[in-house]
Amino acid sequence: MSFDSRPTASSRRTWLSPTAFQSAVGLASLVTVLAAGLYMTVLAWGAVGWINVAVASRVVMLASGAFNGLNLVPLELDLTRERGSLAPGRLAQTRTSLMLASVHCRAGILLGVLALMKFKPDFNG
């Protein structure tokens, strides 16, 4: 994953700047969607397969988001103290493939949940 030709602390801080907003808004929206899904499961629809899958996938998204948050917060703090070009170790921290895979998985899960909510397939056979 390449952001620019000569990575600097400033360019990485710019790249990470939306994370503070995302973590607050993302957590609030995740909790709201989980609460609505649990409400639908208990009171409105019952234990329908598509709701169970959607709620379980949101829990997985919560866990992977927490993983990224635990890794990004210390990195963001370290980058606020750095100036100029990044050291190779710090550059490796910004290019962690596990964090990138987590972001891609969450995007895929979100698209899958939206498809489940739209088409509401019957998984009972």
N, C-alpha and C. Protein backbone atom coordinates (compact mmCIF):
# COMPACT_ATOMS: atom_id res chain seq x y z
N MET A 1 0.86 -1.16 0.00
CA MET A 1 0.00 0.00 0.00
C MET A 1 0.90 1.22 0.00
N SER A 2 0.81 2.02 -1.01
CA SER A 2 1.67 3.18 -1.13
C SER A 2 0.84 4.45 -1.10
N PHE A 3 1.17 5.33 -0.18
CA PHE A 3 0.45 6.59 -0.05
C PHE A 3 1.14 7.68 -0.86
N ASP A 4 2.44 7.73 -0.78
CA ASP A 4 3.21 8.73 -1.50
C ASP A 4 4.62 8.21 -1.69
N SER A 5 5.40 8.92 -2.51
CA SER A 5 6.73 8.43 -2.84
C SER A 5 7.71 8.56 -1.68
N ARG A 6 7.65 9.68 -0.95
CA ARG A 6 8.52 9.87 0.22
C ARG A 6 7.65 10.13 1.45
N PRO A 7 7.32 9.06 2.17
CA PRO A 7 6.41 9.24 3.30
C PRO A 7 7.03 10.08 4.42
N THR A 8 6.24 11.01 4.90
CA THR A 8 6.67 11.85 6.01
C THR A 8 5.66 11.72 7.14
N ALA A 9 6.07 12.17 8.31
CA ALA A 9 5.17 12.14 9.47
C ALA A 9 3.95 13.00 9.19
N SER A 10 4.14 14.12 8.53
CA SER A 10 3.03 15.02 8.23
C SER A 10 2.01 14.35 7.30
N SER A 11 2.47 13.64 6.29
CA SER A 11 1.53 12.98 5.37
C SER A 11 0.76 11.88 6.08
N ARG A 12 1.41 11.17 6.99
CA ARG A 12 0.72 10.11 7.74
C ARG A 12 -0.27 10.69 8.74
N ARG A 13 0.06 11.83 9.35
CA ARG A 13 -0.89 12.48 10.26
C ARG A 13 -2.14 12.90 9.50
N THR A 14 -1.94 13.41 8.29
CA THR A 14 -3.08 13.80 7.45
C THR A 14 -3.93 12.58 7.13
N TRP A 15 -3.30 11.48 6.84
CA TRP A 15 -4.00 10.24 6.52
C TRP A 15 -4.78 9.72 7.71
N LEU A 16 -4.23 9.87 8.92
CA LEU A 16 -4.87 9.35 10.13
C LEU A 16 -5.85 10.33 10.77
N SER A 17 -5.91 11.57 10.32
CA SER A 17 -6.73 12.58 10.98
C SER A 17 -8.21 12.23 11.07
N PRO A 18 -8.82 11.55 10.10
CA PRO A 18 -10.25 11.23 10.24
C PRO A 18 -10.55 10.15 11.28
N THR A 19 -9.54 9.47 11.81
CA THR A 19 -9.81 8.34 12.71
C THR A 19 -10.49 8.76 14.00
N ALA A 20 -10.20 9.95 14.52
CA ALA A 20 -10.84 10.38 15.76
C ALA A 20 -12.34 10.56 15.54
N PHE A 21 -12.71 11.19 14.43
CA PHE A 21 -14.12 11.37 14.10
C PHE A 21 -14.78 10.03 13.82
N GLN A 22 -14.10 9.17 13.07
CA GLN A 22 -14.65 7.86 12.72
C GLN A 22 -14.91 7.01 13.94
N SER A 23 -14.00 7.03 14.90
CA SER A 23 -14.18 6.16 16.05
C SER A 23 -15.40 6.55 16.87
N ALA A 24 -15.64 7.84 17.04
CA ALA A 24 -16.80 8.28 17.82
C ALA A 24 -18.10 8.02 17.06
N VAL A 25 -18.16 8.44 15.82
CA VAL A 25 -19.38 8.28 15.02
C VAL A 25 -19.60 6.80 14.69
N GLY A 26 -18.53 6.10 14.36
CA GLY A 26 -18.65 4.69 14.01
C GLY A 26 -19.17 3.85 15.17
N LEU A 27 -18.67 4.10 16.36
CA LEU A 27 -19.14 3.35 17.52
C LEU A 27 -20.60 3.65 17.81
N ALA A 28 -20.99 4.92 17.73
CA ALA A 28 -22.38 5.29 17.98
C ALA A 28 -23.31 4.64 16.95
N SER A 29 -22.92 4.66 15.69
CA SER A 29 -23.78 4.05 14.67
C SER A 29 -23.83 2.53 14.82
N LEU A 30 -22.71 1.93 15.19
CA LEU A 30 -22.68 0.49 15.38
C LEU A 30 -23.59 0.07 16.51
N VAL A 31 -23.54 0.78 17.62
CA VAL A 31 -24.40 0.46 18.76
C VAL A 31 -25.87 0.67 18.40
N THR A 32 -26.16 1.73 17.66
CA THR A 32 -27.54 1.99 17.24
C THR A 32 -28.07 0.88 16.34
N VAL A 33 -27.26 0.46 15.37
CA VAL A 33 -27.69 -0.60 14.46
C VAL A 33 -27.83 -1.92 15.21
N LEU A 34 -26.93 -2.21 16.13
CA LEU A 34 -27.05 -3.44 16.93
C LEU A 34 -28.31 -3.42 17.77
N ALA A 35 -28.61 -2.29 18.40
CA ALA A 35 -29.82 -2.18 19.22
C ALA A 35 -31.07 -2.38 18.36
N ALA A 36 -31.09 -1.75 17.18
CA ALA A 36 -32.24 -1.92 16.29
C ALA A 36 -32.37 -3.37 15.82
N GLY A 37 -31.25 -4.00 15.51
CA GLY A 37 -31.27 -5.40 15.09
C GLY A 37 -31.76 -6.32 16.19
N LEU A 38 -31.30 -6.09 17.40
CA LEU A 38 -31.77 -6.91 18.53
C LEU A 38 -33.25 -6.67 18.78
N TYR A 39 -33.71 -5.43 18.66
CA TYR A 39 -35.13 -5.12 18.83
C TYR A 39 -35.95 -5.86 17.78
N MET A 40 -35.49 -5.81 16.53
CA MET A 40 -36.22 -6.51 15.47
C MET A 40 -36.25 -8.01 15.72
N THR A 41 -35.14 -8.55 16.21
CA THR A 41 -35.08 -9.98 16.47
C THR A 41 -36.03 -10.38 17.58
N VAL A 42 -36.05 -9.62 18.66
CA VAL A 42 -36.84 -9.99 19.83
C VAL A 42 -38.32 -9.68 19.63
N LEU A 43 -38.66 -8.50 19.14
CA LEU A 43 -40.05 -8.07 19.15
C LEU A 43 -40.75 -8.09 17.80
N ALA A 44 -40.06 -7.80 16.73
CA ALA A 44 -40.75 -7.61 15.46
C ALA A 44 -40.70 -8.84 14.55
N TRP A 45 -39.52 -9.30 14.19
CA TRP A 45 -39.39 -10.35 13.19
C TRP A 45 -39.20 -11.74 13.78
N GLY A 46 -38.64 -11.83 14.95
CA GLY A 46 -38.26 -13.13 15.49
C GLY A 46 -36.85 -13.48 15.03
N ALA A 47 -36.46 -14.69 15.29
CA ALA A 47 -35.10 -15.13 14.97
C ALA A 47 -34.99 -15.52 13.50
N VAL A 48 -35.14 -14.55 12.62
CA VAL A 48 -35.02 -14.77 11.18
C VAL A 48 -33.54 -14.83 10.83
N GLY A 49 -33.20 -15.69 9.90
CA GLY A 49 -31.80 -15.92 9.57
C GLY A 49 -31.04 -14.68 9.16
N TRP A 50 -31.63 -13.84 8.32
CA TRP A 50 -30.90 -12.68 7.82
C TRP A 50 -30.61 -11.69 8.94
N ILE A 51 -31.50 -11.58 9.93
CA ILE A 51 -31.24 -10.68 11.05
C ILE A 51 -30.12 -11.24 11.92
N ASN A 52 -30.15 -12.54 12.16
CA ASN A 52 -29.09 -13.16 12.97
C ASN A 52 -27.72 -12.97 12.34
N VAL A 53 -27.64 -13.16 11.02
CA VAL A 53 -26.36 -12.98 10.32
C VAL A 53 -25.93 -11.53 10.37
N ALA A 54 -26.87 -10.61 10.17
CA ALA A 54 -26.54 -9.18 10.18
C ALA A 54 -26.04 -8.75 11.56
N VAL A 55 -26.70 -9.18 12.62
CA VAL A 55 -26.28 -8.80 13.97
C VAL A 55 -24.92 -9.42 14.29
N ALA A 56 -24.73 -10.68 13.94
CA ALA A 56 -23.43 -11.32 14.20
C ALA A 56 -22.30 -10.63 13.42
N SER A 57 -22.58 -10.23 12.20
CA SER A 57 -21.54 -9.57 11.41
C SER A 57 -21.21 -8.20 11.99
N ARG A 58 -22.18 -7.51 12.54
CA ARG A 58 -21.91 -6.21 13.18
C ARG A 58 -21.04 -6.40 14.42
N VAL A 59 -21.21 -7.50 15.13
CA VAL A 59 -20.35 -7.79 16.28
C VAL A 59 -18.91 -8.04 15.80
N VAL A 60 -18.77 -8.74 14.68
CA VAL A 60 -17.43 -8.95 14.11
C VAL A 60 -16.82 -7.62 13.70
N MET A 61 -17.62 -6.74 13.12
CA MET A 61 -17.12 -5.41 12.74
C MET A 61 -16.69 -4.62 13.97
N LEU A 62 -17.41 -4.76 15.06
CA LEU A 62 -17.05 -4.08 16.31
C LEU A 62 -15.69 -4.56 16.79
N ALA A 63 -15.48 -5.87 16.75
CA ALA A 63 -14.21 -6.43 17.21
C ALA A 63 -13.04 -5.99 16.32
N SER A 64 -13.23 -6.03 15.00
CA SER A 64 -12.13 -5.63 14.12
C SER A 64 -11.88 -4.13 14.19
N GLY A 65 -12.91 -3.34 14.40
CA GLY A 65 -12.73 -1.90 14.59
C GLY A 65 -11.98 -1.60 15.87
N ALA A 66 -12.26 -2.36 16.92
CA ALA A 66 -11.53 -2.19 18.17
C ALA A 66 -10.06 -2.55 17.98
N PHE A 67 -9.80 -3.60 17.21
CA PHE A 67 -8.41 -3.98 16.92
C PHE A 67 -7.68 -2.84 16.24
N ASN A 68 -8.29 -2.26 15.22
CA ASN A 68 -7.66 -1.14 14.52
C ASN A 68 -7.48 0.05 15.43
N GLY A 69 -8.49 0.35 16.23
CA GLY A 69 -8.39 1.49 17.14
C GLY A 69 -7.27 1.34 18.14
N LEU A 70 -7.09 0.13 18.66
CA LEU A 70 -6.01 -0.11 19.63
C LEU A 70 -4.64 0.06 19.00
N ASN A 71 -4.54 -0.19 17.70
CA ASN A 71 -3.26 -0.03 17.02
C ASN A 71 -3.05 1.38 16.46
N LEU A 72 -4.12 2.05 16.09
CA LEU A 72 -3.97 3.37 15.47
C LEU A 72 -3.75 4.49 16.48
N VAL A 73 -4.34 4.39 17.65
CA VAL A 73 -4.19 5.47 18.64
C VAL A 73 -2.73 5.66 19.05
N PRO A 74 -2.00 4.60 19.44
CA PRO A 74 -0.59 4.82 19.77
C PRO A 74 0.23 5.31 18.57
N LEU A 75 -0.09 4.82 17.38
CA LEU A 75 0.62 5.25 16.18
C LEU A 75 0.37 6.74 15.94
N GLU A 76 -0.86 7.18 16.10
CA GLU A 76 -1.18 8.59 15.89
C GLU A 76 -0.46 9.46 16.92
N LEU A 77 -0.38 9.00 18.16
CA LEU A 77 0.35 9.76 19.19
C LEU A 77 1.84 9.85 18.87
N ASP A 78 2.40 8.75 18.40
CA ASP A 78 3.82 8.75 18.04
C ASP A 78 4.09 9.68 16.86
N LEU A 79 3.17 9.72 15.91
CA LEU A 79 3.36 10.57 14.73
C LEU A 79 3.27 12.06 15.06
N THR A 80 2.55 12.42 16.12
CA THR A 80 2.47 13.84 16.49
C THR A 80 3.82 14.36 16.97
N ARG A 81 4.68 13.47 17.46
CA ARG A 81 5.99 13.89 17.95
C ARG A 81 7.07 13.84 16.88
N GLU A 82 6.77 13.23 15.74
CA GLU A 82 7.79 13.09 14.70
C GLU A 82 7.71 14.20 13.68
N ARG A 83 8.85 14.51 13.09
CA ARG A 83 8.95 15.50 12.02
C ARG A 83 9.80 14.91 10.90
N GLY A 84 9.54 15.34 9.69
CA GLY A 84 10.36 14.90 8.56
C GLY A 84 10.01 13.50 8.08
N SER A 85 10.98 12.86 7.46
CA SER A 85 10.78 11.51 6.92
C SER A 85 10.60 10.51 8.05
N LEU A 86 9.85 9.48 7.75
CA LEU A 86 9.59 8.45 8.74
C LEU A 86 10.73 7.45 8.82
N ALA A 87 11.01 6.99 10.02
CA ALA A 87 11.98 5.92 10.20
C ALA A 87 11.38 4.63 9.64
N PRO A 88 12.22 3.68 9.21
CA PRO A 88 11.69 2.44 8.62
C PRO A 88 10.73 1.69 9.54
N GLY A 89 11.01 1.68 10.83
CA GLY A 89 10.12 1.00 11.76
C GLY A 89 8.75 1.64 11.84
N ARG A 90 8.73 2.96 11.87
CA ARG A 90 7.46 3.69 11.92
C ARG A 90 6.71 3.55 10.60
N LEU A 91 7.44 3.54 9.49
CA LEU A 91 6.81 3.34 8.19
C LEU A 91 6.14 1.97 8.12
N ALA A 92 6.81 0.96 8.67
CA ALA A 92 6.22 -0.38 8.70
C ALA A 92 4.94 -0.40 9.53
N GLN A 93 4.89 0.40 10.60
CA GLN A 93 3.67 0.47 11.41
C GLN A 93 2.51 1.06 10.62
N THR A 94 2.79 1.99 9.74
CA THR A 94 1.71 2.62 8.97
C THR A 94 1.25 1.74 7.82
N ARG A 95 2.01 0.72 7.50
CA ARG A 95 1.67 -0.17 6.38
C ARG A 95 1.35 -1.59 6.84
N THR A 96 0.84 -1.74 8.02
CA THR A 96 0.52 -3.06 8.55
C THR A 96 -0.57 -3.71 7.72
N SER A 97 -0.28 -4.88 7.18
CA SER A 97 -1.25 -5.55 6.31
C SER A 97 -2.46 -6.04 7.08
N LEU A 98 -2.30 -6.36 8.36
CA LEU A 98 -3.44 -6.82 9.16
C LEU A 98 -4.47 -5.71 9.35
N MET A 99 -4.00 -4.48 9.57
CA MET A 99 -4.95 -3.37 9.70
C MET A 99 -5.65 -3.10 8.38
N LEU A 100 -4.93 -3.16 7.28
CA LEU A 100 -5.54 -2.95 5.97
C LEU A 100 -6.55 -4.05 5.66
N ALA A 101 -6.20 -5.29 5.98
CA ALA A 101 -7.14 -6.40 5.78
C ALA A 101 -8.39 -6.22 6.63
N SER A 102 -8.22 -5.71 7.84
CA SER A 102 -9.36 -5.46 8.71
C SER A 102 -10.29 -4.42 8.11
N VAL A 103 -9.73 -3.36 7.56
CA VAL A 103 -10.54 -2.32 6.93
C VAL A 103 -11.29 -2.89 5.73
N HIS A 104 -10.63 -3.67 4.91
CA HIS A 104 -11.27 -4.26 3.74
C HIS A 104 -12.36 -5.26 4.16
N CYS A 105 -12.10 -6.05 5.19
CA CYS A 105 -13.11 -7.00 5.67
C CYS A 105 -14.33 -6.27 6.20
N ARG A 106 -14.11 -5.20 6.95
CA ARG A 106 -15.26 -4.44 7.47
C ARG A 106 -16.08 -3.84 6.34
N ALA A 107 -15.43 -3.36 5.30
CA ALA A 107 -16.16 -2.82 4.14
C ALA A 107 -16.98 -3.93 3.46
N GLY A 108 -16.38 -5.09 3.30
CA GLY A 108 -17.10 -6.22 2.71
C GLY A 108 -18.27 -6.68 3.57
N ILE A 109 -18.05 -6.75 4.87
CA ILE A 109 -19.13 -7.14 5.78
C ILE A 109 -20.27 -6.12 5.71
N LEU A 110 -19.93 -4.85 5.69
CA LEU A 110 -20.96 -3.81 5.62
C LEU A 110 -21.78 -3.95 4.34
N LEU A 111 -21.13 -4.19 3.22
CA LEU A 111 -21.87 -4.39 1.97
C LEU A 111 -22.75 -5.64 2.04
N GLY A 112 -22.24 -6.69 2.67
CA GLY A 112 -23.04 -7.90 2.85
C GLY A 112 -24.25 -7.67 3.73
N VAL A 113 -24.07 -6.92 4.81
CA VAL A 113 -25.19 -6.60 5.69
C VAL A 113 -26.24 -5.77 4.95
N LEU A 114 -25.78 -4.80 4.18
CA LEU A 114 -26.74 -4.00 3.40
C LEU A 114 -27.51 -4.87 2.41
N ALA A 115 -26.82 -5.83 1.78
CA ALA A 115 -27.50 -6.74 0.85
C ALA A 115 -28.51 -7.61 1.61
N LEU A 116 -28.14 -8.10 2.79
CA LEU A 116 -29.08 -8.89 3.59
C LEU A 116 -30.31 -8.08 3.97
N MET A 117 -30.08 -6.82 4.36
CA MET A 117 -31.20 -5.98 4.76
C MET A 117 -32.11 -5.66 3.57
N LYS A 118 -31.54 -5.55 2.39
CA LYS A 118 -32.31 -5.22 1.20
C LYS A 118 -33.10 -6.43 0.69
N PHE A 119 -32.45 -7.59 0.58
CA PHE A 119 -33.08 -8.74 -0.06
C PHE A 119 -33.73 -9.72 0.91
N LYS A 120 -33.34 -9.70 2.18
CA LYS A 120 -33.93 -10.52 3.24
C LYS A 120 -34.12 -11.99 2.81
N PRO A 121 -33.04 -12.70 2.47
CA PRO A 121 -33.20 -14.09 2.05
C PRO A 121 -33.62 -14.99 3.21
N ASP A 122 -34.27 -16.08 2.89
CA ASP A 122 -34.71 -17.04 3.90
C ASP A 122 -33.65 -18.15 4.01
N PHE A 123 -33.02 -18.26 5.17
CA PHE A 123 -31.98 -19.27 5.36
C PHE A 123 -32.50 -20.55 5.99
N ASN A 124 -33.79 -20.66 6.15
CA ASN A 124 -34.36 -21.83 6.82
C ASN A 124 -34.54 -23.01 5.88
N GLY A 125 -34.28 -22.83 4.62
CA GLY A 125 -34.38 -23.94 3.69
C GLY A 125 -35.50 -23.77 2.79
